[in-house]
Structure formats: structure tokens, C-alpha cells
Amino acid sequence: SKSGKTKRKRLLSKINALSKLERRQLTMTEPNKQQHGQGPLRKDELERLKDLDSLKEQLQQMDDDIQQKSLLAVEELVNNPPEPLGDMRRADEHRTICRKE
């Protein structure tokens, strides 16, 4: 549904933002990779970083639910496929001429 897609999109953007914070935190601990103009993470950033694992779990759960729903949606068509369509080619002149013998 549209709301589910929107929720998933927002969750992905939060995860990406927190992943950037996590990478920034890792570069702060390595002395030769520190970049100018970036100080250590603030207290609120560290608090938000704690939610990264739970957000990843939520995303995984959403993806698993979508996978299950999609399998259920096509299960009937896989078990009982529809009859094949007839000849869908364009009725060209050379196919429709009645030959008299």
C-alpha cells in the first residue's frame, strides 16, 4: 500500500542517516582518519545511534512481511496457471487470405 511504502521509505532514510553517524563515530576513533571540522558526536546523536539496530530489525520485518504477502498473492496463479492466450499476432494480410484450391 502507499502508506506502507512511505513508512518503509522513511525508515530507510533514518537508517541511512544513522549509518552516516556510525561511520563518523568510527572515523573519530581512528586518529589518522579524522577529518577537519568534525568534532565528536553530540549526546543526542549518540542516543539516536542506539536505535539503529532496532530500526534495521523493523526494516527486516517489513521486508519479510512483504515477501510473505507477495507469495500468497501469486500462489493461486502458480498452482493453477491460466489457460494460454490464443494467437495474439496482428492479423496480417498473408495470414488471413483464404486460398482456393
C-alpha atoms as a PDB file:
ATOM      1  CA  SER A   1       0.000   0.000   0.000  1.00  0.00           C
ATOM      2  CA  LYS A   2       1.020   3.593  -0.391  1.00  0.00           C
ATOM      3  CA  SER A   3       1.282   4.189   3.356  1.00  0.00           C
ATOM      4  CA  GLY A   4       3.448   1.090   3.741  1.00  0.00           C
ATOM      5  CA  LYS A   5       5.791   2.305   1.007  1.00  0.00           C
ATOM      6  CA  THR A   6       6.013   5.712   2.647  1.00  0.00           C
ATOM      7  CA  LYS A   7       6.721   4.160   6.036  1.00  0.00           C
ATOM      8  CA  ARG A   8       9.437   1.951   4.532  1.00  0.00           C
ATOM      9  CA  LYS A   9      10.979   4.928   2.728  1.00  0.00           C
ATOM     10  CA  ARG A  10      11.134   6.964   5.954  1.00  0.00           C
ATOM     11  CA  LEU A  11      12.617   4.022   7.827  1.00  0.00           C
ATOM     12  CA  LEU A  12      15.310   3.635   5.162  1.00  0.00           C
ATOM     13  CA  SER A  13      16.180   7.321   5.343  1.00  0.00           C
ATOM     14  CA  LYS A  14      16.511   7.123   9.150  1.00  0.00           C
ATOM     15  CA  ILE A  15      18.743   4.059   8.831  1.00  0.00           C
ATOM     16  CA  ASN A  16      20.927   5.800   6.241  1.00  0.00           C
ATOM     17  CA  ALA A  17      21.277   8.908   8.420  1.00  0.00           C
ATOM     18  CA  LEU A  18      22.197   6.820  11.461  1.00  0.00           C
ATOM     19  CA  SER A  19      24.645   4.774   9.404  1.00  0.00           C
ATOM     20  CA  LYS A  20      26.412   8.000   8.465  1.00  0.00           C
ATOM     21  CA  LEU A  21      26.624   8.899  12.159  1.00  0.00           C
ATOM     22  CA  GLU A  22      28.007   5.456  12.905  1.00  0.00           C
ATOM     23  CA  ARG A  23      30.687   5.830  10.222  1.00  0.00           C
ATOM     24  CA  ARG A  24      31.516   9.271  11.597  1.00  0.00           C
ATOM     25  CA  GLN A  25      31.882   7.801  15.073  1.00  0.00           C
ATOM     26  CA  LEU A  26      34.212   5.114  13.751  1.00  0.00           C
ATOM     27  CA  THR A  27      36.400   7.668  11.976  1.00  0.00           C
ATOM     28  CA  MET A  28      36.643   9.714  15.179  1.00  0.00           C
ATOM     29  CA  THR A  29      38.225   6.760  16.971  1.00  0.00           C
ATOM     30  CA  GLU A  30      40.926   6.338  14.302  1.00  0.00           C
ATOM     31  CA  PRO A  31      43.456   9.176  14.699  1.00  0.00           C
ATOM     32  CA  ASN A  32      44.791   9.198  11.148  1.00  0.00           C
ATOM     33  CA  LYS A  33      41.285   9.291   9.574  1.00  0.00           C
ATOM     34  CA  GLN A  34      39.880  12.272  11.453  1.00  0.00           C
ATOM     35  CA  GLN A  35      38.521  14.979   9.204  1.00  0.00           C
ATOM     36  CA  HIS A  36      38.739  18.679   9.883  1.00  0.00           C
ATOM     37  CA  GLY A  37      35.609  20.436  11.027  1.00  0.00           C
ATOM     38  CA  GLN A  38      34.016  17.358  12.555  1.00  0.00           C
ATOM     39  CA  GLY A  39      34.061  17.046  16.284  1.00  0.00           C
ATOM     40  CA  PRO A  40      32.916  14.141  18.389  1.00  0.00           C
ATOM     41  CA  LEU A  41      29.275  13.116  18.285  1.00  0.00           C
ATOM     42  CA  ARG A  42      26.883  15.072  20.458  1.00  0.00           C
ATOM     43  CA  LYS A  43      24.866  13.441  23.222  1.00  0.00           C
ATOM     44  CA  ASP A  44      21.611  13.445  21.205  1.00  0.00           C
ATOM     45  CA  GLU A  45      23.404  11.855  18.227  1.00  0.00           C
ATOM     46  CA  LEU A  46      24.733   9.093  20.471  1.00  0.00           C
ATOM     47  CA  GLU A  47      21.207   8.495  21.820  1.00  0.00           C
ATOM     48  CA  ARG A  48      19.802   8.214  18.303  1.00  0.00           C
ATOM     49  CA  LEU A  49      22.615   5.871  17.318  1.00  0.00           C
ATOM     50  CA  LYS A  50      21.370   3.369  19.903  1.00  0.00           C
ATOM     51  CA  ASP A  51      18.169   2.923  17.847  1.00  0.00           C
ATOM     52  CA  LEU A  52      19.987   1.786  14.699  1.00  0.00           C
ATOM     53  CA  ASP A  53      19.738  -1.944  15.405  1.00  0.00           C
ATOM     54  CA  SER A  54      16.034  -1.812  16.242  1.00  0.00           C
ATOM     55  CA  LEU A  55      15.334   0.186  13.063  1.00  0.00           C
ATOM     56  CA  LYS A  56      17.208  -2.387  10.998  1.00  0.00           C
ATOM     57  CA  GLU A  57      15.128  -5.133  12.627  1.00  0.00           C
ATOM     58  CA  GLN A  58      11.919  -3.245  11.797  1.00  0.00           C
ATOM     59  CA  LEU A  59      13.018  -2.940   8.172  1.00  0.00           C
ATOM     60  CA  GLN A  60      13.841  -6.643   8.004  1.00  0.00           C
ATOM     61  CA  GLN A  61      10.445  -7.497   9.496  1.00  0.00           C
ATOM     62  CA  MET A  62       8.685  -5.258   6.968  1.00  0.00           C
ATOM     63  CA  ASP A  63      10.591  -6.891   4.102  1.00  0.00           C
ATOM     64  CA  ASP A  64       9.721 -10.366   5.401  1.00  0.00           C
ATOM     65  CA  ASP A  65       6.029  -9.420   5.635  1.00  0.00           C
ATOM     66  CA  ILE A  66       6.070  -8.078   2.082  1.00  0.00           C
ATOM     67  CA  GLN A  67       7.737 -11.273   0.874  1.00  0.00           C
ATOM     68  CA  GLN A  68       5.098 -13.447   2.577  1.00  0.00           C
ATOM     69  CA  LYS A  69       2.228 -11.357   1.189  1.00  0.00           C
ATOM     70  CA  SER A  70       3.641 -11.475  -2.326  1.00  0.00           C
ATOM     71  CA  LEU A  71       3.998 -15.255  -2.155  1.00  0.00           C
ATOM     72  CA  LEU A  72       0.385 -15.580  -1.036  1.00  0.00           C
ATOM     73  CA  ALA A  73      -0.784 -13.238  -3.792  1.00  0.00           C
ATOM     74  CA  VAL A  74       0.697 -15.345  -6.596  1.00  0.00           C
ATOM     75  CA  GLU A  75       0.227 -18.773  -5.015  1.00  0.00           C
ATOM     76  CA  GLU A  76      -3.103 -19.407  -6.778  1.00  0.00           C
ATOM     77  CA  LEU A  77      -1.664 -18.477 -10.179  1.00  0.00           C
ATOM     78  CA  VAL A  78       1.364 -20.702  -9.656  1.00  0.00           C
ATOM     79  CA  ASN A  79      -0.720 -23.704  -8.590  1.00  0.00           C
ATOM     80  CA  ASN A  80      -3.427 -23.187 -11.239  1.00  0.00           C
ATOM     81  CA  PRO A  81      -1.971 -21.175 -14.109  1.00  0.00           C
ATOM     82  CA  PRO A  82      -4.439 -19.548 -16.505  1.00  0.00           C
ATOM     83  CA  GLU A  83      -5.090 -21.006 -19.946  1.00  0.00           C
ATOM     84  CA  PRO A  84      -2.672 -19.782 -22.603  1.00  0.00           C
ATOM     85  CA  LEU A  85      -3.840 -16.918 -24.754  1.00  0.00           C
ATOM     86  CA  GLY A  86      -4.746 -17.515 -28.357  1.00  0.00           C
ATOM     87  CA  ASP A  87      -2.767 -16.205 -31.293  1.00  0.00           C
ATOM     88  CA  MET A  88      -2.134 -12.577 -30.377  1.00  0.00           C
ATOM     89  CA  ARG A  89      -0.253 -11.739 -33.554  1.00  0.00           C
ATOM     90  CA  ARG A  90      -1.558  -8.983 -35.741  1.00  0.00           C
ATOM     91  CA  ALA A  91      -3.928 -10.239 -38.438  1.00  0.00           C
ATOM     92  CA  ASP A  92      -1.656  -9.502 -41.385  1.00  0.00           C
ATOM     93  CA  GLU A  93      -2.871  -9.955 -44.885  1.00  0.00           C
ATOM     94  CA  HIS A  94      -0.740 -13.014 -45.566  1.00  0.00           C
ATOM     95  CA  ARG A  95      -2.300 -14.780 -42.564  1.00  0.00           C
ATOM     96  CA  THR A  96      -5.918 -14.021 -43.377  1.00  0.00           C
ATOM     97  CA  ILE A  97      -6.065 -14.729 -47.145  1.00  0.00           C
ATOM     98  CA  CYS A  98      -8.302 -17.668 -47.911  1.00  0.00           C
ATOM     99  CA  ARG A  99      -6.660 -19.806 -50.543  1.00  0.00           C
ATOM    100  CA  LYS A 100      -8.827 -21.619 -53.025  1.00  0.00           C
ATOM    101  CA  GLU A 101      -7.561 -24.918 -54.196  1.00  0.00           C
END
